Structure formats: C-alpha cells, structure tokens
N, C-alpha and C. Protein backbone atom coordinates (compact mmCIF):
# COMPACT_ATOMS: atom_id res chain seq x y z
N MET A 1 32.79 -29.42 -26.05
CA MET A 1 33.58 -28.74 -27.17
C MET A 1 35.59 -29.16 -26.91
N ASN A 2 36.03 -29.88 -27.87
CA ASN A 2 37.38 -30.53 -27.97
C ASN A 2 38.57 -28.74 -27.73
N MET A 3 38.60 -29.22 -26.39
CA MET A 3 40.16 -27.94 -26.47
C MET A 3 41.41 -27.99 -26.57
N HIS A 4 41.45 -29.19 -27.83
CA HIS A 4 43.05 -29.51 -28.26
C HIS A 4 42.37 -28.78 -29.64
N VAL A 5 41.47 -28.47 -30.23
CA VAL A 5 41.70 -27.65 -31.64
C VAL A 5 43.01 -26.32 -31.81
N ALA A 6 43.29 -26.92 -32.75
CA ALA A 6 45.25 -26.21 -32.97
C ALA A 6 44.96 -25.34 -33.67
N ALA A 7 44.57 -23.72 -33.73
CA ALA A 7 44.41 -22.94 -34.63
C ALA A 7 45.50 -22.21 -34.80
N GLU A 8 46.24 -21.62 -33.64
CA GLU A 8 47.67 -21.51 -33.89
C GLU A 8 49.03 -22.05 -34.17
N THR A 9 48.69 -23.11 -34.73
CA THR A 9 49.95 -24.03 -34.55
C THR A 9 49.56 -24.99 -36.21
N GLY A 10 48.28 -23.91 -37.16
CA GLY A 10 48.37 -24.26 -38.57
C GLY A 10 47.97 -25.64 -38.86
N TRP A 11 47.61 -26.40 -37.60
CA TRP A 11 46.49 -27.64 -37.97
C TRP A 11 45.58 -27.82 -37.64
N ARG A 12 44.80 -28.21 -37.50
CA ARG A 12 43.06 -28.28 -37.38
C ARG A 12 43.00 -28.95 -36.07
N PHE A 13 43.89 -30.35 -35.91
CA PHE A 13 43.99 -31.08 -34.77
C PHE A 13 45.45 -30.89 -33.82
N GLU A 14 45.67 -31.30 -32.77
CA GLU A 14 46.66 -31.73 -31.52
C GLU A 14 46.59 -33.00 -31.54
N ILE A 15 48.13 -33.65 -31.76
CA ILE A 15 47.64 -34.96 -31.37
C ILE A 15 47.31 -35.29 -29.81
N ASP A 16 46.41 -36.20 -29.84
CA ASP A 16 45.94 -36.33 -28.37
C ASP A 16 44.31 -36.00 -28.30
N SER A 17 43.78 -34.55 -29.50
CA SER A 17 42.78 -34.61 -29.98
C SER A 17 41.63 -35.54 -29.75
N LEU A 18 40.13 -35.26 -29.29
CA LEU A 18 38.95 -36.61 -29.78
C LEU A 18 38.49 -35.89 -30.72
N VAL A 19 38.41 -36.52 -31.39
CA VAL A 19 37.79 -36.44 -33.15
C VAL A 19 36.68 -37.50 -33.45
N THR A 20 36.00 -37.04 -34.74
CA THR A 20 34.54 -37.89 -34.99
C THR A 20 34.61 -37.34 -36.06
N HIS A 21 34.26 -38.38 -36.90
CA HIS A 21 33.84 -38.33 -38.21
C HIS A 21 32.86 -37.25 -38.58
N ILE A 22 32.79 -35.87 -40.04
CA ILE A 22 31.59 -35.00 -40.45
C ILE A 22 30.37 -35.97 -40.33
N ASP A 23 30.18 -37.22 -40.80
CA ASP A 23 28.71 -38.01 -41.06
C ASP A 23 28.44 -38.97 -40.73
N GLN A 24 29.15 -39.33 -39.29
CA GLN A 24 29.10 -40.56 -38.85
C GLN A 24 29.66 -40.34 -37.51
N PRO A 25 28.60 -41.28 -36.22
CA PRO A 25 29.95 -41.12 -34.85
C PRO A 25 30.93 -42.25 -35.30
N MET A 26 32.07 -41.81 -34.99
CA MET A 26 33.10 -42.12 -35.53
C MET A 26 34.13 -41.49 -33.95
N PRO A 27 34.35 -42.19 -32.59
CA PRO A 27 35.30 -41.02 -31.31
C PRO A 27 36.68 -42.04 -31.53
N SER A 28 37.16 -40.89 -31.82
CA SER A 28 38.66 -41.63 -32.14
C SER A 28 40.10 -39.91 -31.78
N ILE A 29 40.87 -40.44 -31.31
CA ILE A 29 42.33 -39.93 -30.85
C ILE A 29 43.02 -39.53 -32.18
N VAL A 30 43.78 -38.65 -32.37
CA VAL A 30 44.29 -38.25 -33.02
C VAL A 30 45.51 -38.83 -32.29
N MET A 31 46.68 -39.74 -32.90
CA MET A 31 47.78 -40.32 -32.91
C MET A 31 48.83 -39.78 -33.53
N GLY A 32 48.83 -39.18 -34.79
CA GLY A 32 49.68 -38.62 -35.82
C GLY A 32 49.00 -37.73 -36.81
N ARG A 33 50.49 -36.95 -37.64
CA ARG A 33 49.58 -36.08 -38.25
C ARG A 33 50.62 -36.23 -39.03
N ALA A 34 50.12 -35.52 -40.85
CA ALA A 34 51.13 -35.20 -41.95
C ALA A 34 50.23 -34.15 -42.56
N LYS A 35 51.24 -33.45 -42.97
CA LYS A 35 51.20 -32.19 -44.83
C LYS A 35 50.92 -32.68 -45.72
N THR A 36 50.13 -33.17 -46.91
CA THR A 36 50.51 -33.85 -48.36
C THR A 36 51.57 -32.43 -48.75
N SER A 37 51.71 -32.55 -50.23
CA SER A 37 52.53 -31.69 -50.60
C SER A 37 51.84 -30.09 -51.05
N ARG A 38 50.26 -30.78 -51.00
CA ARG A 38 49.45 -29.90 -51.45
C ARG A 38 48.81 -28.79 -50.69
N GLY A 39 49.71 -29.34 -49.17
CA GLY A 39 48.93 -28.74 -47.57
C GLY A 39 48.05 -29.09 -47.23
N ASP A 40 47.48 -30.69 -48.31
CA ASP A 40 46.05 -31.40 -47.25
C ASP A 40 46.59 -32.05 -45.84
N GLU A 41 45.84 -32.08 -45.15
CA GLU A 41 46.31 -32.95 -43.24
C GLU A 41 45.65 -34.00 -43.45
N ILE A 42 46.21 -34.95 -42.98
CA ILE A 42 46.35 -36.08 -42.90
C ILE A 42 46.06 -36.30 -41.43
N TYR A 43 45.28 -37.39 -40.93
CA TYR A 43 45.86 -37.47 -39.68
C TYR A 43 45.61 -38.90 -39.50
N ALA A 44 46.48 -39.67 -38.21
CA ALA A 44 46.08 -40.90 -37.94
C ALA A 44 45.67 -40.96 -36.72
N VAL A 45 44.37 -41.55 -36.50
CA VAL A 45 43.38 -41.73 -35.45
C VAL A 45 43.27 -42.92 -34.99
N ARG A 46 42.41 -43.25 -33.56
CA ARG A 46 42.82 -44.66 -33.31
C ARG A 46 41.07 -44.66 -32.61
N SER A 47 40.81 -45.71 -33.87
CA SER A 47 39.16 -45.44 -32.85
C SER A 47 39.17 -45.47 -31.71
N LEU A 48 37.86 -45.02 -31.03
CA LEU A 48 37.27 -45.37 -29.54
C LEU A 48 36.01 -45.74 -29.53
N ALA A 49 35.37 -46.40 -30.48
CA ALA A 49 34.12 -46.73 -30.02
C ALA A 49 34.03 -47.94 -29.89
N ILE A 50 33.14 -47.90 -29.32
CA ILE A 50 32.95 -49.48 -28.11
C ILE A 50 32.45 -51.14 -29.09
N GLU A 51 32.18 -50.69 -30.77
CA GLU A 51 32.27 -51.49 -31.78
C GLU A 51 33.23 -51.08 -32.63
N ASP A 52 33.98 -51.92 -32.88
CA ASP A 52 35.05 -51.19 -34.21
C ASP A 52 35.91 -52.44 -34.81
N PRO A 53 35.57 -52.86 -35.60
CA PRO A 53 36.91 -54.02 -36.14
C PRO A 53 38.42 -53.38 -36.92
N ASN A 54 38.26 -51.91 -37.44
CA ASN A 54 39.31 -51.32 -38.01
C ASN A 54 39.80 -49.89 -37.30
N ARG A 55 40.39 -50.14 -35.66
CA ARG A 55 40.33 -49.40 -34.89
C ARG A 55 41.64 -48.19 -35.22
N ASP A 56 42.48 -48.29 -36.18
CA ASP A 56 43.27 -47.69 -36.64
C ASP A 56 43.32 -47.18 -38.66
N ARG A 57 43.16 -45.67 -38.37
CA ARG A 57 42.57 -45.54 -39.79
C ARG A 57 43.93 -44.14 -39.99
N MET A 58 43.65 -43.37 -41.50
CA MET A 58 44.59 -42.65 -41.81
C MET A 58 43.28 -42.00 -42.30
N MET A 59 42.71 -40.63 -41.96
CA MET A 59 42.00 -40.09 -42.52
C MET A 59 42.47 -38.00 -43.18
N LEU A 60 41.60 -38.06 -43.89
CA LEU A 60 41.51 -36.48 -44.14
C LEU A 60 40.97 -35.91 -43.42
N GLY A 61 41.80 -34.92 -42.98
CA GLY A 61 41.39 -33.18 -41.52
C GLY A 61 40.22 -32.97 -42.26
N GLU A 62 39.89 -32.50 -43.17
CA GLU A 62 38.61 -31.97 -43.52
C GLU A 62 37.24 -32.91 -43.42
N VAL A 63 37.77 -33.93 -43.24
CA VAL A 63 36.27 -35.20 -42.67
C VAL A 63 36.12 -35.16 -41.50
N LEU A 64 37.26 -34.57 -40.74
CA LEU A 64 37.16 -34.68 -38.88
C LEU A 64 36.44 -33.27 -38.75
N GLN A 65 36.23 -33.20 -36.96
CA GLN A 65 35.85 -32.62 -36.15
C GLN A 65 35.65 -32.59 -35.07
N PRO A 66 35.47 -32.22 -33.82
CA PRO A 66 35.98 -32.05 -32.70
C PRO A 66 34.76 -33.28 -32.38
N ILE A 67 34.57 -33.88 -30.87
CA ILE A 67 34.01 -35.39 -30.85
C ILE A 67 32.90 -34.24 -30.42
N ASP A 68 31.73 -34.68 -30.96
CA ASP A 68 30.21 -34.33 -30.23
C ASP A 68 29.82 -34.96 -29.03
N ASP A 69 28.32 -35.08 -29.08
CA ASP A 69 27.34 -35.54 -27.95
C ASP A 69 27.53 -37.10 -28.42
N GLU A 70 26.86 -37.59 -30.05
CA GLU A 70 26.49 -38.27 -30.32
C GLU A 70 27.56 -39.67 -30.39
N SER A 71 28.77 -38.75 -30.78
CA SER A 71 30.11 -39.77 -30.97
C SER A 71 30.18 -40.50 -29.27
N TRP A 72 30.20 -39.15 -28.49
CA TRP A 72 30.44 -39.97 -26.55
C TRP A 72 29.10 -40.88 -26.29
N ASN A 73 27.87 -41.28 -27.22
CA ASN A 73 27.13 -42.00 -26.81
C ASN A 73 27.49 -43.57 -27.11
N VAL A 74 28.81 -43.77 -28.02
CA VAL A 74 29.15 -45.03 -28.61
C VAL A 74 31.12 -44.82 -28.60
N CYS A 75 31.30 -44.01 -27.30
CA CYS A 75 32.48 -43.89 -26.87
C CYS A 75 33.17 -45.06 -26.13
N LEU A 76 33.93 -46.12 -25.95
CA LEU A 76 34.58 -46.10 -24.96
C LEU A 76 34.74 -45.89 -24.01
N LEU A 77 35.69 -44.43 -23.97
CA LEU A 77 35.99 -43.68 -22.66
C LEU A 77 34.66 -42.87 -21.74
N ALA A 78 33.50 -42.73 -22.83
CA ALA A 78 32.20 -42.25 -22.19
C ALA A 78 32.22 -42.84 -20.12
N GLY A 79 32.47 -42.14 -19.30
CA GLY A 79 31.51 -42.05 -18.19
C GLY A 79 32.76 -42.43 -17.25
N THR A 80 34.02 -42.99 -17.36
CA THR A 80 34.99 -43.88 -17.29
C THR A 80 36.04 -42.44 -16.87
N PRO A 81 37.04 -42.47 -15.75
CA PRO A 81 37.97 -41.87 -15.00
C PRO A 81 38.66 -40.55 -16.29
N LEU A 82 38.73 -41.54 -17.32
CA LEU A 82 40.12 -41.12 -19.07
C LEU A 82 38.56 -40.22 -19.63
N ASP A 83 37.04 -40.33 -19.27
CA ASP A 83 36.64 -39.16 -19.69
C ASP A 83 36.28 -37.76 -19.86
N PRO A 84 37.23 -36.97 -20.07
CA PRO A 84 37.17 -35.02 -20.07
C PRO A 84 36.20 -34.41 -19.69
N ARG A 85 35.23 -34.89 -19.98
CA ARG A 85 33.86 -34.11 -19.34
C ARG A 85 33.46 -34.66 -18.18
N LEU A 86 34.23 -35.26 -17.76
CA LEU A 86 33.95 -35.33 -15.77
C LEU A 86 34.78 -34.81 -15.21
N ALA A 87 36.27 -34.15 -15.74
CA ALA A 87 36.96 -33.69 -14.90
C ALA A 87 36.49 -32.40 -14.32
N GLY A 88 37.30 -31.50 -13.16
CA GLY A 88 36.61 -30.90 -12.81
C GLY A 88 36.78 -31.37 -11.24
C-alpha cells in the first residue's frame, strides 16, 4: 500500500508517491502535479519500469492508482535499498 496517498490535501497523490496505471503495470514516481480549470488532476510521472522508452509522461489522476504487486514485478527499485517494502 502506498503511504503517500494524500486525501487531506485535496490531491490523490503527493509528490514522490509511487503509482501505476489502472489498466497495466507502469511503476512510476510522481514528479509534479497541476489542476485544470475544471478541477481535473494532472500528474507528471517518471516511469520506473525496467523497459520503457518513454520515461516521462503527463497522466490524468483518474487513471493512476497506488503501486501494486504486479507493477513491483517490473520496477527498477524492486529489491534495491530504495525499495520501500524492504524498509524496517
């Protein structure tokens, strides 16, 4: 479970949150965010997938979710000292 989900700030995710796409594994870190005039959340994310020719993307908040186990399977951080699942 991602501990960076920001319900109290009016944003779905904080900067540095680990997220993925709702339809497919796309482990990413939130680098920035903005809101449109309609209130839609736009996130600048950097992909942490092992193979990804397009590292930087702008994504609508509605297609993102906290990182899941399937995404960890293809994440560059998995099993390294930067893997938050190993902290403790």
